Amino acid sequence: MITSDPPVQKDGDDFDGEAARIILALAREIGPDRTLSPIDAAQRLMPGDDWQRALPEVRRTAIRLACDGRLMIYRKGKPVDPLDFRGVYRLGLPRED
């Protein structure tokens, strides 16, 4: 009898871990002097037309990474408190200004 691995489900910790890996990889690709849109991470996380469903997960993961000091959340080009921001935001590596 041939068995196969169960399908990978994108939810919970697996999805969150994948989101963190994608966000950090994209941030490293562009470097510390530039920022990326959370849309870019969502589209990488869920290719195709479903990427908008990934936006809440990208936001939650970005907040967690920012609280851990591994990522910065920017609004209008300035760092913001990851636990208290609204509206359009961008993501980037911590800058060494």
PDB file of N, CA and C in Angstrom:
ATOM      1  N   MET A   1       0.836  -1.171   0.000  1.00  0.00           N
ATOM      2  CA  MET A   1       0.000   0.000   0.000  1.00  0.00           C
ATOM      3  C   MET A   1       0.885   1.241   0.000  1.00  0.00           C
ATOM      4  N   ILE A   2       0.585   2.160  -0.866  1.00  0.00           N
ATOM      5  CA  ILE A   2       1.350   3.400  -0.958  1.00  0.00           C
ATOM      6  C   ILE A   2       0.643   4.463  -0.133  1.00  0.00           C
ATOM      7  N   THR A   3       1.418   5.109   0.720  1.00  0.00           N
ATOM      8  CA  THR A   3       0.845   6.197   1.505  1.00  0.00           C
ATOM      9  C   THR A   3       1.466   7.503   1.050  1.00  0.00           C
ATOM     10  N   SER A   4       0.749   8.530   1.226  1.00  0.00           N
ATOM     11  CA  SER A   4       1.290   9.843   0.875  1.00  0.00           C
ATOM     12  C   SER A   4       1.146  10.765   2.070  1.00  0.00           C
ATOM     13  N   ASP A   5       1.954  11.782   2.066  1.00  0.00           N
ATOM     14  CA  ASP A   5       1.874  12.761   3.142  1.00  0.00           C
ATOM     15  C   ASP A   5       0.563  13.519   3.032  1.00  0.00           C
ATOM     16  N   PRO A   6       0.002  13.914   4.161  1.00  0.00           N
ATOM     17  CA  PRO A   6      -1.218  14.707   4.098  1.00  0.00           C
ATOM     18  C   PRO A   6      -0.927  16.063   3.474  1.00  0.00           C
ATOM     19  N   PRO A   7      -1.916  16.670   2.855  1.00  0.00           N
ATOM     20  CA  PRO A   7      -1.674  17.974   2.253  1.00  0.00           C
ATOM     21  C   PRO A   7      -1.294  18.998   3.314  1.00  0.00           C
ATOM     22  N   VAL A   8      -0.417  19.892   2.938  1.00  0.00           N
ATOM     23  CA  VAL A   8      -0.002  20.952   3.847  1.00  0.00           C
ATOM     24  C   VAL A   8      -1.115  21.983   3.907  1.00  0.00           C
ATOM     25  N   GLN A   9      -1.517  22.304   5.104  1.00  0.00           N
ATOM     26  CA  GLN A   9      -2.559  23.311   5.261  1.00  0.00           C
ATOM     27  C   GLN A   9      -1.918  24.613   5.687  1.00  0.00           C
ATOM     28  N   LYS A  10      -2.373  25.697   5.093  1.00  0.00           N
ATOM     29  CA  LYS A  10      -1.826  27.005   5.414  1.00  0.00           C
ATOM     30  C   LYS A  10      -2.698  27.672   6.469  1.00  0.00           C
ATOM     31  N   ASP A  11      -2.514  27.228   7.704  1.00  0.00           N
ATOM     32  CA  ASP A  11      -3.212  27.877   8.791  1.00  0.00           C
ATOM     33  C   ASP A  11      -2.398  27.705  10.057  1.00  0.00           C
ATOM     34  N   GLY A  12      -2.731  28.449  11.062  1.00  0.00           N
ATOM     35  CA  GLY A  12      -2.056  28.315  12.335  1.00  0.00           C
ATOM     36  C   GLY A  12      -0.578  28.618  12.249  1.00  0.00           C
ATOM     37  N   ASP A  13       0.214  27.855  13.016  1.00  0.00           N
ATOM     38  CA  ASP A  13       1.638  28.114  13.119  1.00  0.00           C
ATOM     39  C   ASP A  13       2.381  27.916  11.807  1.00  0.00           C
ATOM     40  N   ASP A  14       1.990  26.931  11.002  1.00  0.00           N
ATOM     41  CA  ASP A  14       2.685  26.706   9.736  1.00  0.00           C
ATOM     42  C   ASP A  14       2.548  27.920   8.827  1.00  0.00           C
ATOM     43  N   PHE A  15       1.349  28.450   8.737  1.00  0.00           N
ATOM     44  CA  PHE A  15       1.106  29.615   7.889  1.00  0.00           C
ATOM     45  C   PHE A  15       1.858  30.816   8.441  1.00  0.00           C
ATOM     46  N   ASP A  16       1.814  31.004   9.759  1.00  0.00           N
ATOM     47  CA  ASP A  16       2.495  32.112  10.403  1.00  0.00           C
ATOM     48  C   ASP A  16       3.997  32.023  10.182  1.00  0.00           C
ATOM     49  N   GLY A  17       4.554  30.817  10.316  1.00  0.00           N
ATOM     50  CA  GLY A  17       5.978  30.645  10.090  1.00  0.00           C
ATOM     51  C   GLY A  17       6.360  30.945   8.659  1.00  0.00           C
ATOM     52  N   GLU A  18       5.525  30.531   7.734  1.00  0.00           N
ATOM     53  CA  GLU A  18       5.780  30.813   6.327  1.00  0.00           C
ATOM     54  C   GLU A  18       5.685  32.311   6.065  1.00  0.00           C
ATOM     55  N   ALA A  19       4.718  32.971   6.670  1.00  0.00           N
ATOM     56  CA  ALA A  19       4.567  34.417   6.497  1.00  0.00           C
ATOM     57  C   ALA A  19       5.806  35.140   7.018  1.00  0.00           C
ATOM     58  N   ALA A  20       6.303  34.732   8.170  1.00  0.00           N
ATOM     59  CA  ALA A  20       7.502  35.359   8.733  1.00  0.00           C
ATOM     60  C   ALA A  20       8.701  35.154   7.813  1.00  0.00           C
ATOM     61  N   ARG A  21       8.864  33.942   7.310  1.00  0.00           N
ATOM     62  CA  ARG A  21       9.992  33.679   6.402  1.00  0.00           C
ATOM     63  C   ARG A  21       9.900  34.545   5.147  1.00  0.00           C
ATOM     64  N   ILE A  22       8.709  34.668   4.590  1.00  0.00           N
ATOM     65  CA  ILE A  22       8.529  35.458   3.370  1.00  0.00           C
ATOM     66  C   ILE A  22       8.788  36.935   3.636  1.00  0.00           C
ATOM     67  N   ILE A  23       8.216  37.470   4.697  1.00  0.00           N
ATOM     68  CA  ILE A  23       8.400  38.892   5.015  1.00  0.00           C
ATOM     69  C   ILE A  23       9.875  39.206   5.216  1.00  0.00           C
ATOM     70  N   LEU A  24      10.558  38.404   6.010  1.00  0.00           N
ATOM     71  CA  LEU A  24      11.974  38.667   6.279  1.00  0.00           C
ATOM     72  C   LEU A  24      12.831  38.484   5.034  1.00  0.00           C
ATOM     73  N   ALA A  25      12.521  37.491   4.215  1.00  0.00           N
ATOM     74  CA  ALA A  25      13.283  37.287   2.974  1.00  0.00           C
ATOM     75  C   ALA A  25      13.112  38.478   2.033  1.00  0.00           C
ATOM     76  N   LEU A  26      11.890  38.956   1.879  1.00  0.00           N
ATOM     77  CA  LEU A  26      11.656  40.119   1.016  1.00  0.00           C
ATOM     78  C   LEU A  26      12.362  41.354   1.565  1.00  0.00           C
ATOM     79  N   ALA A  27      12.319  41.541   2.875  1.00  0.00           N
ATOM     80  CA  ALA A  27      12.983  42.694   3.486  1.00  0.00           C
ATOM     81  C   ALA A  27      14.495  42.621   3.278  1.00  0.00           C
ATOM     82  N   ARG A  28      15.063  41.428   3.406  1.00  0.00           N
ATOM     83  CA  ARG A  28      16.508  41.278   3.182  1.00  0.00           C
ATOM     84  C   ARG A  28      16.869  41.528   1.723  1.00  0.00           C
ATOM     85  N   GLU A  29      15.999  41.094   0.805  1.00  0.00           N
ATOM     86  CA  GLU A  29      16.251  41.305  -0.629  1.00  0.00           C
ATOM     87  C   GLU A  29      16.385  42.782  -0.964  1.00  0.00           C
ATOM     88  N   ILE A  30      15.542  43.614  -0.386  1.00  0.00           N
ATOM     89  CA  ILE A  30      15.567  45.038  -0.734  1.00  0.00           C
ATOM     90  C   ILE A  30      16.533  45.833   0.129  1.00  0.00           C
ATOM     91  N   GLY A  31      16.955  45.275   1.256  1.00  0.00           N
ATOM     92  CA  GLY A  31      17.930  45.933   2.105  1.00  0.00           C
ATOM     93  C   GLY A  31      17.304  46.876   3.121  1.00  0.00           C
ATOM     94  N   PRO A  32      18.138  47.368   4.055  1.00  0.00           N
ATOM     95  CA  PRO A  32      17.623  48.174   5.162  1.00  0.00           C
ATOM     96  C   PRO A  32      17.218  49.600   4.785  1.00  0.00           C
ATOM     97  N   ASP A  33      17.579  50.054   3.606  1.00  0.00           N
ATOM     98  CA  ASP A  33      17.265  51.431   3.219  1.00  0.00           C
ATOM     99  C   ASP A  33      15.960  51.563   2.454  1.00  0.00           C
ATOM    100  N   ARG A  34      15.278  50.464   2.207  1.00  0.00           N
ATOM    101  CA  ARG A  34      14.012  50.499   1.466  1.00  0.00           C
ATOM    102  C   ARG A  34      12.949  49.743   2.245  1.00  0.00           C
ATOM    103  N   THR A  35      11.704  49.969   1.866  1.00  0.00           N
ATOM    104  CA  THR A  35      10.593  49.277   2.521  1.00  0.00           C
ATOM    105  C   THR A  35       9.771  48.536   1.482  1.00  0.00           C
ATOM    106  N   LEU A  36       8.969  47.602   1.959  1.00  0.00           N
ATOM    107  CA  LEU A  36       8.120  46.837   1.057  1.00  0.00           C
ATOM    108  C   LEU A  36       6.671  46.951   1.496  1.00  0.00           C
ATOM    109  N   SER A  37       5.811  46.767   0.549  1.00  0.00           N
ATOM    110  CA  SER A  37       4.382  46.789   0.819  1.00  0.00           C
ATOM    111  C   SER A  37       3.958  45.439   1.384  1.00  0.00           C
ATOM    112  N   PRO A  38       3.054  45.428   2.342  1.00  0.00           N
ATOM    113  CA  PRO A  38       2.542  44.144   2.816  1.00  0.00           C
ATOM    114  C   PRO A  38       1.845  43.359   1.703  1.00  0.00           C
ATOM    115  N   ILE A  39       1.405  44.051   0.675  1.00  0.00           N
ATOM    116  CA  ILE A  39       0.783  43.379  -0.471  1.00  0.00           C
ATOM    117  C   ILE A  39       1.787  42.443  -1.145  1.00  0.00           C
ATOM    118  N   ASP A  40       3.046  42.879  -1.240  1.00  0.00           N
ATOM    119  CA  ASP A  40       4.079  42.030  -1.844  1.00  0.00           C
ATOM    120  C   ASP A  40       4.216  40.713  -1.082  1.00  0.00           C
ATOM    121  N   ALA A  41       4.214  40.802   0.241  1.00  0.00           N
ATOM    122  CA  ALA A  41       4.318  39.587   1.056  1.00  0.00           C
ATOM    123  C   ALA A  41       3.072  38.720   0.907  1.00  0.00           C
ATOM    124  N   ALA A  42       1.901  39.338   0.884  1.00  0.00           N
ATOM    125  CA  ALA A  42       0.651  38.581   0.744  1.00  0.00           C
ATOM    126  C   ALA A  42       0.597  37.859  -0.597  1.00  0.00           C
ATOM    127  N   GLN A  43       1.054  38.526  -1.652  1.00  0.00           N
ATOM    128  CA  GLN A  43       1.043  37.898  -2.978  1.00  0.00           C
ATOM    129  C   GLN A  43       2.025  36.741  -3.050  1.00  0.00           C
ATOM    130  N   ARG A  44       3.127  36.833  -2.336  1.00  0.00           N
ATOM    131  CA  ARG A  44       4.084  35.730  -2.301  1.00  0.00           C
ATOM    132  C   ARG A  44       3.542  34.579  -1.457  1.00  0.00           C
ATOM    133  N   LEU A  45       2.829  34.924  -0.397  1.00  0.00           N
ATOM    134  CA  LEU A  45       2.272  33.916   0.503  1.00  0.00           C
ATOM    135  C   LEU A  45       1.121  33.154  -0.142  1.00  0.00           C
ATOM    136  N   MET A  46       0.268  33.860  -0.869  1.00  0.00           N
ATOM    137  CA  MET A  46      -0.887  33.247  -1.541  1.00  0.00           C
ATOM    138  C   MET A  46      -0.934  33.732  -2.982  1.00  0.00           C
ATOM    139  N   PRO A  47      -0.176  33.103  -3.870  1.00  0.00           N
ATOM    140  CA  PRO A  47      -0.180  33.522  -5.271  1.00  0.00           C
ATOM    141  C   PRO A  47      -1.573  33.397  -5.887  1.00  0.00           C
ATOM    142  N   GLY A  48      -1.792  34.165  -6.905  1.00  0.00           N
ATOM    143  CA  GLY A  48      -3.086  34.120  -7.581  1.00  0.00           C
ATOM    144  C   GLY A  48      -4.029  35.175  -7.044  1.00  0.00           C
ATOM    145  N   ASP A  49      -5.296  34.905  -7.211  1.00  0.00           N
ATOM    146  CA  ASP A  49      -6.312  35.882  -6.843  1.00  0.00           C
ATOM    147  C   ASP A  49      -6.664  35.885  -5.358  1.00  0.00           C
ATOM    148  N   ASP A  50      -6.129  34.961  -4.591  1.00  0.00           N
ATOM    149  CA  ASP A  50      -6.486  34.856  -3.173  1.00  0.00           C
ATOM    150  C   ASP A  50      -5.569  35.641  -2.244  1.00  0.00           C
ATOM    151  N   TRP A  51      -4.628  36.402  -2.771  1.00  0.00           N
ATOM    152  CA  TRP A  51      -3.630  37.059  -1.934  1.00  0.00           C
ATOM    153  C   TRP A  51      -4.247  37.991  -0.893  1.00  0.00           C
ATOM    154  N   GLN A  52      -5.395  38.589  -1.183  1.00  0.00           N
ATOM    155  CA  GLN A  52      -6.004  39.512  -0.216  1.00  0.00           C
ATOM    156  C   GLN A  52      -6.386  38.798   1.080  1.00  0.00           C
ATOM    157  N   ARG A  53      -6.682  37.518   0.976  1.00  0.00           N
ATOM    158  CA  ARG A  53      -7.002  36.747   2.181  1.00  0.00           C
ATOM    159  C   ARG A  53      -5.793  36.609   3.101  1.00  0.00           C
ATOM    160  N   ALA A  54      -4.591  36.790   2.575  1.00  0.00           N
ATOM    161  CA  ALA A  54      -3.375  36.665   3.378  1.00  0.00           C
ATOM    162  C   ALA A  54      -3.000  37.962   4.092  1.00  0.00           C
ATOM    163  N   LEU A  55      -3.616  39.081   3.730  1.00  0.00           N
ATOM    164  CA  LEU A  55      -3.238  40.365   4.328  1.00  0.00           C
ATOM    165  C   LEU A  55      -3.371  40.407   5.853  1.00  0.00           C
ATOM    166  N   PRO A  56      -4.449  39.893   6.444  1.00  0.00           N
ATOM    167  CA  PRO A  56      -4.507  39.905   7.915  1.00  0.00           C
ATOM    168  C   PRO A  56      -3.372  39.107   8.559  1.00  0.00           C
ATOM    169  N   GLU A  57      -3.002  37.990   7.958  1.00  0.00           N
ATOM    170  CA  GLU A  57      -1.900  37.183   8.494  1.00  0.00           C
ATOM    171  C   GLU A  57      -0.576  37.914   8.349  1.00  0.00           C
ATOM    172  N   VAL A  58      -0.382  38.590   7.228  1.00  0.00           N
ATOM    173  CA  VAL A  58       0.840  39.373   7.033  1.00  0.00           C
ATOM    174  C   VAL A  58       0.922  40.458   8.101  1.00  0.00           C
ATOM    175  N   ARG A  59      -0.181  41.133   8.361  1.00  0.00           N
ATOM    176  CA  ARG A  59      -0.192  42.193   9.378  1.00  0.00           C
ATOM    177  C   ARG A  59       0.123  41.619  10.763  1.00  0.00           C
ATOM    178  N   ARG A  60      -0.539  40.538  11.149  1.00  0.00           N
ATOM    179  CA  ARG A  60      -0.280  39.924  12.464  1.00  0.00           C
ATOM    180  C   ARG A  60       1.181  39.493  12.595  1.00  0.00           C
ATOM    181  N   THR A  61       1.701  38.901  11.548  1.00  0.00           N
ATOM    182  CA  THR A  61       3.088  38.432  11.578  1.00  0.00           C
ATOM    183  C   THR A  61       4.053  39.606  11.635  1.00  0.00           C
ATOM    184  N   ALA A  62       3.775  40.654  10.868  1.00  0.00           N
ATOM    185  CA  ALA A  62       4.629  41.845  10.888  1.00  0.00           C
ATOM    186  C   ALA A  62       4.644  42.475  12.278  1.00  0.00           C
ATOM    187  N   ILE A  63       3.502  42.534  12.919  1.00  0.00           N
ATOM    188  CA  ILE A  63       3.434  43.089  14.276  1.00  0.00           C
ATOM    189  C   ILE A  63       4.286  42.256  15.224  1.00  0.00           C
ATOM    190  N   ARG A  64       4.154  40.932  15.132  1.00  0.00           N
ATOM    191  CA  ARG A  64       4.948  40.061  16.001  1.00  0.00           C
ATOM    192  C   ARG A  64       6.448  40.243  15.749  1.00  0.00           C
ATOM    193  N   LEU A  65       6.838  40.289  14.475  1.00  0.00           N
ATOM    194  CA  LEU A  65       8.254  40.469  14.136  1.00  0.00           C
ATOM    195  C   LEU A  65       8.762  41.828  14.611  1.00  0.00           C
ATOM    196  N   ALA A  66       7.927  42.857  14.501  1.00  0.00           N
ATOM    197  CA  ALA A  66       8.320  44.193  14.959  1.00  0.00           C
ATOM    198  C   ALA A  66       8.467  44.217  16.483  1.00  0.00           C
ATOM    199  N   CYS A  67       7.568  43.565  17.182  1.00  0.00           N
ATOM    200  CA  CYS A  67       7.671  43.490  18.648  1.00  0.00           C
ATOM    201  C   CYS A  67       8.926  42.738  19.078  1.00  0.00           C
ATOM    202  N   ASP A  68       9.368  41.800  18.258  1.00  0.00           N
ATOM    203  CA  ASP A  68      10.600  41.046  18.533  1.00  0.00           C
ATOM    204  C   ASP A  68      11.853  41.803  18.103  1.00  0.00           C
ATOM    205  N   GLY A  69      11.693  42.960  17.443  1.00  0.00           N
ATOM    206  CA  GLY A  69      12.832  43.751  16.991  1.00  0.00           C
ATOM    207  C   GLY A  69      13.444  43.282  15.686  1.00  0.00           C
ATOM    208  N   ARG A  70      12.782  42.377  14.985  1.00  0.00           N
ATOM    209  CA  ARG A  70      13.336  41.834  13.743  1.00  0.00           C
ATOM    210  C   ARG A  70      12.853  42.574  12.503  1.00  0.00           C
ATOM    211  N   LEU A  71      11.865  43.443  12.660  1.00  0.00           N
ATOM    212  CA  LEU A  71      11.257  44.149  11.542  1.00  0.00           C
ATOM    213  C   LEU A  71      10.773  45.497  12.051  1.00  0.00           C
ATOM    214  N   MET A  72      10.662  46.460  11.147  1.00  0.00           N
ATOM    215  CA  MET A  72      10.090  47.763  11.489  1.00  0.00           C
ATOM    216  C   MET A  72       8.834  47.962  10.660  1.00  0.00           C
ATOM    217  N   ILE A  73       7.867  48.610  11.256  1.00  0.00           N
ATOM    218  CA  ILE A  73       6.659  49.000  10.546  1.00  0.00           C
ATOM    219  C   ILE A  73       6.725  50.510  10.379  1.00  0.00           C
ATOM    220  N   TYR A  74       6.544  50.965   9.144  1.00  0.00           N
ATOM    221  CA  TYR A  74       6.654  52.386   8.821  1.00  0.00           C
ATOM    222  C   TYR A  74       5.325  52.921   8.319  1.00  0.00           C
ATOM    223  N   ARG A  75       5.055  54.158   8.692  1.00  0.00           N
ATOM    224  CA  ARG A  75       3.896  54.874   8.173  1.00  0.00           C
ATOM    225  C   ARG A  75       4.383  56.260   7.802  1.00  0.00           C
ATOM    226  N   LYS A  76       4.149  56.640   6.559  1.00  0.00           N
ATOM    227  CA  LYS A  76       4.625  57.928   6.042  1.00  0.00           C
ATOM    228  C   LYS A  76       6.133  58.077   6.238  1.00  0.00           C
ATOM    229  N   GLY A  77       6.854  56.952   6.072  1.00  0.00           N
ATOM    230  CA  GLY A  77       8.313  56.961   6.135  1.00  0.00           C
ATOM    231  C   GLY A  77       8.914  56.953   7.525  1.00  0.00           C
ATOM    232  N   LYS A  78       8.094  56.930   8.546  1.00  0.00           N
ATOM    233  CA  LYS A  78       8.597  56.961   9.917  1.00  0.00           C
ATOM    234  C   LYS A  78       8.189  55.687  10.661  1.00  0.00           C
ATOM    235  N   PRO A  79       9.079  55.203  11.543  1.00  0.00           N
ATOM    236  CA  PRO A  79       8.732  54.014  12.325  1.00  0.00           C
ATOM    237  C   PRO A  79       7.526  54.297  13.223  1.00  0.00           C
ATOM    238  N   VAL A  80       6.685  53.302  13.386  1.00  0.00           N
ATOM    239  CA  VAL A  80       5.516  53.443  14.254  1.00  0.00           C
ATOM    240  C   VAL A  80       5.515  52.351  15.315  1.00  0.00           C
ATOM    241  N   ASP A  81       4.734  52.577  16.343  1.00  0.00           N
ATOM    242  CA  ASP A  81       4.540  51.580  17.387  1.00  0.00           C
ATOM    243  C   ASP A  81       3.770  50.411  16.768  1.00  0.00           C
ATOM    244  N   PRO A  82       4.338  49.211  16.777  1.00  0.00           N
ATOM    245  CA  PRO A  82       3.659  48.084  16.127  1.00  0.00           C
ATOM    246  C   PRO A  82       2.326  47.715  16.770  1.00  0.00           C
ATOM    247  N   LEU A  83       2.111  48.147  17.988  1.00  0.00           N
ATOM    248  CA  LEU A  83       0.857  47.826  18.665  1.00  0.00           C
ATOM    249  C   LEU A  83      -0.169  48.951  18.573  1.00  0.00           C
ATOM    250  N   ASP A  84       0.206  50.048  17.886  1.00  0.00           N
ATOM    251  CA  ASP A  84      -0.700  51.190  17.822  1.00  0.00           C
ATOM    252  C   ASP A  84      -0.503  51.959  16.517  1.00  0.00           C
ATOM    253  N   PHE A  85      -0.941  51.383  15.414  1.00  0.00           N
ATOM    254  CA  PHE A  85      -0.879  52.089  14.133  1.00  0.00           C
ATOM    255  C   PHE A  85      -2.099  51.732  13.319  1.00  0.00           C
ATOM    256  N   ARG A  86      -2.428  52.633  12.411  1.00  0.00           N
ATOM    257  CA  ARG A  86      -3.585  52.434  11.536  1.00  0.00           C
ATOM    258  C   ARG A  86      -3.219  52.861  10.129  1.00  0.00           C
ATOM    259  N   GLY A  87      -4.026  52.413   9.199  1.00  0.00           N
ATOM    260  CA  GLY A  87      -3.889  52.880   7.828  1.00  0.00           C
ATOM    261  C   GLY A  87      -2.813  52.162   7.040  1.00  0.00           C
ATOM    262  N   VAL A  88      -2.394  52.831   5.983  1.00  0.00           N
ATOM    263  CA  VAL A  88      -1.395  52.285   5.062  1.00  0.00           C
ATOM    264  C   VAL A  88      -0.046  52.218   5.772  1.00  0.00           C
ATOM    265  N   TYR A  89       0.630  51.098   5.625  1.00  0.00           N
ATOM    266  CA  TYR A  89       1.930  50.928   6.261  1.00  0.00           C
ATOM    267  C   TYR A  89       2.857  50.170   5.329  1.00  0.00           C
ATOM    268  N   ARG A  90       4.143  50.224   5.653  1.00  0.00           N
ATOM    269  CA  ARG A  90       5.156  49.499   4.898  1.00  0.00           C
ATOM    270  C   ARG A  90       6.045  48.773   5.891  1.00  0.00           C
ATOM    271  N   LEU A  91       6.812  47.831   5.384  1.00  0.00           N
ATOM    272  CA  LEU A  91       7.648  46.986   6.225  1.00  0.00           C
ATOM    273  C   LEU A  91       9.102  47.105   5.808  1.00  0.00           C
ATOM    274  N   GLY A  92       9.997  47.022   6.766  1.00  0.00           N
ATOM    275  CA  GLY A  92      11.412  47.067   6.445  1.00  0.00           C
ATOM    276  C   GLY A  92      12.253  46.549   7.592  1.00  0.00           C
ATOM    277  N   LEU A  93      13.507  46.346   7.290  1.00  0.00           N
ATOM    278  CA  LEU A  93      14.451  45.928   8.318  1.00  0.00           C
ATOM    279  C   LEU A  93      14.743  47.107   9.232  1.00  0.00           C
ATOM    280  N   PRO A  94      15.127  46.835  10.476  1.00  0.00           N
ATOM    281  CA  PRO A  94      15.518  47.943  11.355  1.00  0.00           C
ATOM    282  C   PRO A  94      16.705  48.689  10.748  1.00  0.00           C
ATOM    283  N   ARG A  95      16.632  49.998  10.789  1.00  0.00           N
ATOM    284  CA  ARG A  95      17.698  50.836  10.228  1.00  0.00           C
ATOM    285  C   ARG A  95      18.689  51.201  11.319  1.00  0.00           C
ATOM    286  N   GLU A  96      19.916  51.342  10.905  1.00  0.00           N
ATOM    287  CA  GLU A  96      20.970  51.733  11.845  1.00  0.00           C
ATOM    288  C   GLU A  96      21.329  53.187  11.601  1.00  0.00           C
ATOM    289  N   ASP A  97      20.395  54.090  11.933  1.00  0.00           N
ATOM    290  CA  ASP A  97      20.620  55.535  11.714  1.00  0.00           C
ATOM    291  C   ASP A  97      21.483  56.121  12.792  1.00  0.00           C
TER     292      ASP A  97
END
